Amino acid sequence: MNTNVMFSSKTDAWATPKAFFAELDKEFHFDLDPCADEFNHKCEKYYTIADNGLLKEWGGA
């Protein structure tokens, strides 16, 4: 198994590719990005690592 790509970055902050998000958003109409930052969020409402999105409500905006 080639794991080089999994360990090729000094960070674990990976953004969802825009095209992939757009396709899913057509069906699900997302209004929250629970794991983002100020540069890569895909929705107006988003949680950063400092917000700890796993402890927040995901019920929508």
N, C-alpha and C. Protein backbone atom coordinates (compact mmCIF):
# COMPACT_ATOMS: atom_id res chain seq x y z
N MET A 1 0.84 -1.18 0.00
CA MET A 1 0.00 0.00 0.00
C MET A 1 0.89 1.24 0.00
N ASN A 2 0.59 2.17 -0.90
CA ASN A 2 1.36 3.40 -0.99
C ASN A 2 0.75 4.45 -0.05
N THR A 3 1.40 4.70 1.06
CA THR A 3 0.89 5.66 2.04
C THR A 3 1.59 7.01 1.95
N ASN A 4 2.46 7.19 0.96
CA ASN A 4 3.20 8.44 0.84
C ASN A 4 2.28 9.66 0.76
N VAL A 5 1.20 9.53 0.01
CA VAL A 5 0.29 10.67 -0.15
C VAL A 5 -0.38 11.03 1.18
N MET A 6 -0.65 10.04 2.02
CA MET A 6 -1.30 10.30 3.30
C MET A 6 -0.40 11.06 4.26
N PHE A 7 0.89 10.96 4.06
CA PHE A 7 1.84 11.59 4.95
C PHE A 7 2.68 12.65 4.22
N SER A 8 2.11 13.22 3.16
CA SER A 8 2.87 14.15 2.33
C SER A 8 2.72 15.61 2.77
N SER A 9 2.00 15.87 3.83
CA SER A 9 1.78 17.24 4.26
C SER A 9 2.13 17.40 5.73
N LYS A 10 2.48 18.60 6.10
CA LYS A 10 2.79 18.87 7.49
C LYS A 10 1.54 19.28 8.27
N THR A 11 0.38 19.19 7.62
CA THR A 11 -0.87 19.57 8.25
C THR A 11 -1.95 18.53 7.94
N ASP A 12 -2.98 18.50 8.76
CA ASP A 12 -4.11 17.63 8.46
C ASP A 12 -5.33 18.46 8.05
N ALA A 13 -5.11 19.72 7.74
CA ALA A 13 -6.19 20.61 7.32
C ALA A 13 -6.37 20.51 5.81
N TRP A 14 -7.24 19.60 5.41
CA TRP A 14 -7.48 19.36 3.99
C TRP A 14 -8.88 19.85 3.65
N ALA A 15 -9.00 20.69 2.66
CA ALA A 15 -10.29 21.21 2.23
C ALA A 15 -10.98 20.22 1.29
N THR A 16 -12.30 20.19 1.35
CA THR A 16 -13.08 19.41 0.39
C THR A 16 -12.95 20.08 -0.97
N PRO A 17 -12.66 19.32 -2.00
CA PRO A 17 -12.55 19.92 -3.34
C PRO A 17 -13.86 20.61 -3.74
N LYS A 18 -13.76 21.80 -4.34
CA LYS A 18 -14.94 22.59 -4.69
C LYS A 18 -15.91 21.84 -5.59
N ALA A 19 -15.42 21.16 -6.61
CA ALA A 19 -16.29 20.44 -7.55
C ALA A 19 -17.06 19.31 -6.84
N PHE A 20 -16.39 18.60 -5.96
CA PHE A 20 -17.02 17.52 -5.20
C PHE A 20 -18.11 18.09 -4.28
N PHE A 21 -17.79 19.17 -3.58
CA PHE A 21 -18.76 19.82 -2.71
C PHE A 21 -19.97 20.29 -3.51
N ALA A 22 -19.73 20.91 -4.66
CA ALA A 22 -20.82 21.44 -5.49
C ALA A 22 -21.78 20.33 -5.92
N GLU A 23 -21.25 19.19 -6.29
CA GLU A 23 -22.11 18.07 -6.69
C GLU A 23 -22.99 17.59 -5.54
N LEU A 24 -22.41 17.44 -4.36
CA LEU A 24 -23.18 17.01 -3.20
C LEU A 24 -24.17 18.08 -2.76
N ASP A 25 -23.77 19.33 -2.88
CA ASP A 25 -24.63 20.44 -2.46
C ASP A 25 -25.88 20.54 -3.33
N LYS A 26 -25.80 20.13 -4.58
CA LYS A 26 -26.98 20.12 -5.46
C LYS A 26 -28.10 19.28 -4.87
N GLU A 27 -27.73 18.19 -4.22
CA GLU A 27 -28.73 17.28 -3.64
C GLU A 27 -29.08 17.64 -2.19
N PHE A 28 -28.07 18.00 -1.40
CA PHE A 28 -28.28 18.14 0.04
C PHE A 28 -28.43 19.58 0.53
N HIS A 29 -28.05 20.57 -0.26
CA HIS A 29 -28.21 21.99 0.09
C HIS A 29 -27.63 22.31 1.47
N PHE A 30 -26.35 22.13 1.60
CA PHE A 30 -25.66 22.35 2.87
C PHE A 30 -25.76 23.80 3.33
N ASP A 31 -25.90 24.00 4.64
CA ASP A 31 -25.87 25.34 5.20
C ASP A 31 -24.86 25.45 6.34
N LEU A 32 -24.07 24.39 6.53
CA LEU A 32 -23.06 24.38 7.59
C LEU A 32 -21.85 23.60 7.11
N ASP A 33 -20.68 24.15 7.35
CA ASP A 33 -19.42 23.45 7.13
C ASP A 33 -18.81 23.24 8.50
N PRO A 34 -18.92 22.03 9.07
CA PRO A 34 -18.55 21.81 10.47
C PRO A 34 -17.05 21.67 10.74
N CYS A 35 -16.25 21.54 9.71
CA CYS A 35 -14.80 21.35 9.90
C CYS A 35 -14.06 22.19 8.87
N ALA A 36 -13.94 23.47 9.12
CA ALA A 36 -13.36 24.38 8.13
C ALA A 36 -12.48 25.41 8.80
N ASP A 37 -12.05 26.36 8.01
CA ASP A 37 -11.35 27.52 8.56
C ASP A 37 -11.77 28.74 7.75
N GLU A 38 -11.20 29.89 8.08
CA GLU A 38 -11.63 31.13 7.45
C GLU A 38 -11.30 31.19 5.97
N PHE A 39 -10.43 30.32 5.50
CA PHE A 39 -10.01 30.33 4.11
C PHE A 39 -10.69 29.27 3.25
N ASN A 40 -11.08 28.13 3.83
CA ASN A 40 -11.57 27.03 3.01
C ASN A 40 -13.03 26.66 3.23
N HIS A 41 -13.76 27.44 4.01
CA HIS A 41 -15.16 27.06 4.29
C HIS A 41 -16.00 27.15 3.01
N LYS A 42 -16.97 26.25 2.92
CA LYS A 42 -17.83 26.17 1.74
C LYS A 42 -19.22 26.74 2.01
N CYS A 43 -19.54 27.03 3.26
CA CYS A 43 -20.84 27.59 3.64
C CYS A 43 -20.62 28.86 4.45
N GLU A 44 -21.66 29.70 4.46
CA GLU A 44 -21.55 30.93 5.24
C GLU A 44 -21.34 30.63 6.72
N LYS A 45 -22.05 29.61 7.22
CA LYS A 45 -21.86 29.18 8.61
C LYS A 45 -20.86 28.03 8.62
N TYR A 46 -19.84 28.18 9.46
CA TYR A 46 -18.82 27.13 9.54
C TYR A 46 -18.21 27.13 10.94
N TYR A 47 -17.63 25.98 11.30
CA TYR A 47 -16.92 25.83 12.56
C TYR A 47 -15.44 25.59 12.26
N THR A 48 -14.61 26.21 13.07
CA THR A 48 -13.17 26.02 12.95
C THR A 48 -12.71 25.02 14.01
N ILE A 49 -11.45 24.69 13.97
CA ILE A 49 -10.90 23.79 14.98
C ILE A 49 -11.06 24.38 16.38
N ALA A 50 -10.96 25.70 16.48
CA ALA A 50 -11.13 26.36 17.78
C ALA A 50 -12.56 26.25 18.29
N ASP A 51 -13.53 26.19 17.36
CA ASP A 51 -14.94 26.04 17.74
C ASP A 51 -15.28 24.62 18.19
N ASN A 52 -14.46 23.65 17.79
CA ASN A 52 -14.70 22.23 18.04
C ASN A 52 -16.10 21.83 17.54
N GLY A 53 -16.23 21.80 16.23
CA GLY A 53 -17.50 21.47 15.58
C GLY A 53 -18.14 20.17 16.02
N LEU A 54 -17.37 19.24 16.55
CA LEU A 54 -17.95 17.97 17.01
C LEU A 54 -18.83 18.17 18.25
N LEU A 55 -18.64 19.27 18.96
CA LEU A 55 -19.44 19.54 20.15
C LEU A 55 -20.58 20.52 19.88
N LYS A 56 -20.73 20.97 18.65
CA LYS A 56 -21.74 21.96 18.29
C LYS A 56 -22.96 21.28 17.66
N GLU A 57 -24.05 22.05 17.60
CA GLU A 57 -25.25 21.60 16.91
C GLU A 57 -25.01 21.64 15.41
N TRP A 58 -25.51 20.63 14.71
CA TRP A 58 -25.39 20.58 13.25
C TRP A 58 -26.76 20.70 12.61
N GLY A 59 -27.74 21.12 13.36
CA GLY A 59 -29.11 21.14 12.87
C GLY A 59 -29.38 22.11 11.74
N GLY A 60 -28.42 22.89 11.34
CA GLY A 60 -28.59 23.83 10.25
C GLY A 60 -28.70 25.25 10.75
N ALA A 61 -28.70 26.15 9.80
CA ALA A 61 -28.74 27.58 10.14
C ALA A 61 -30.14 28.04 10.45
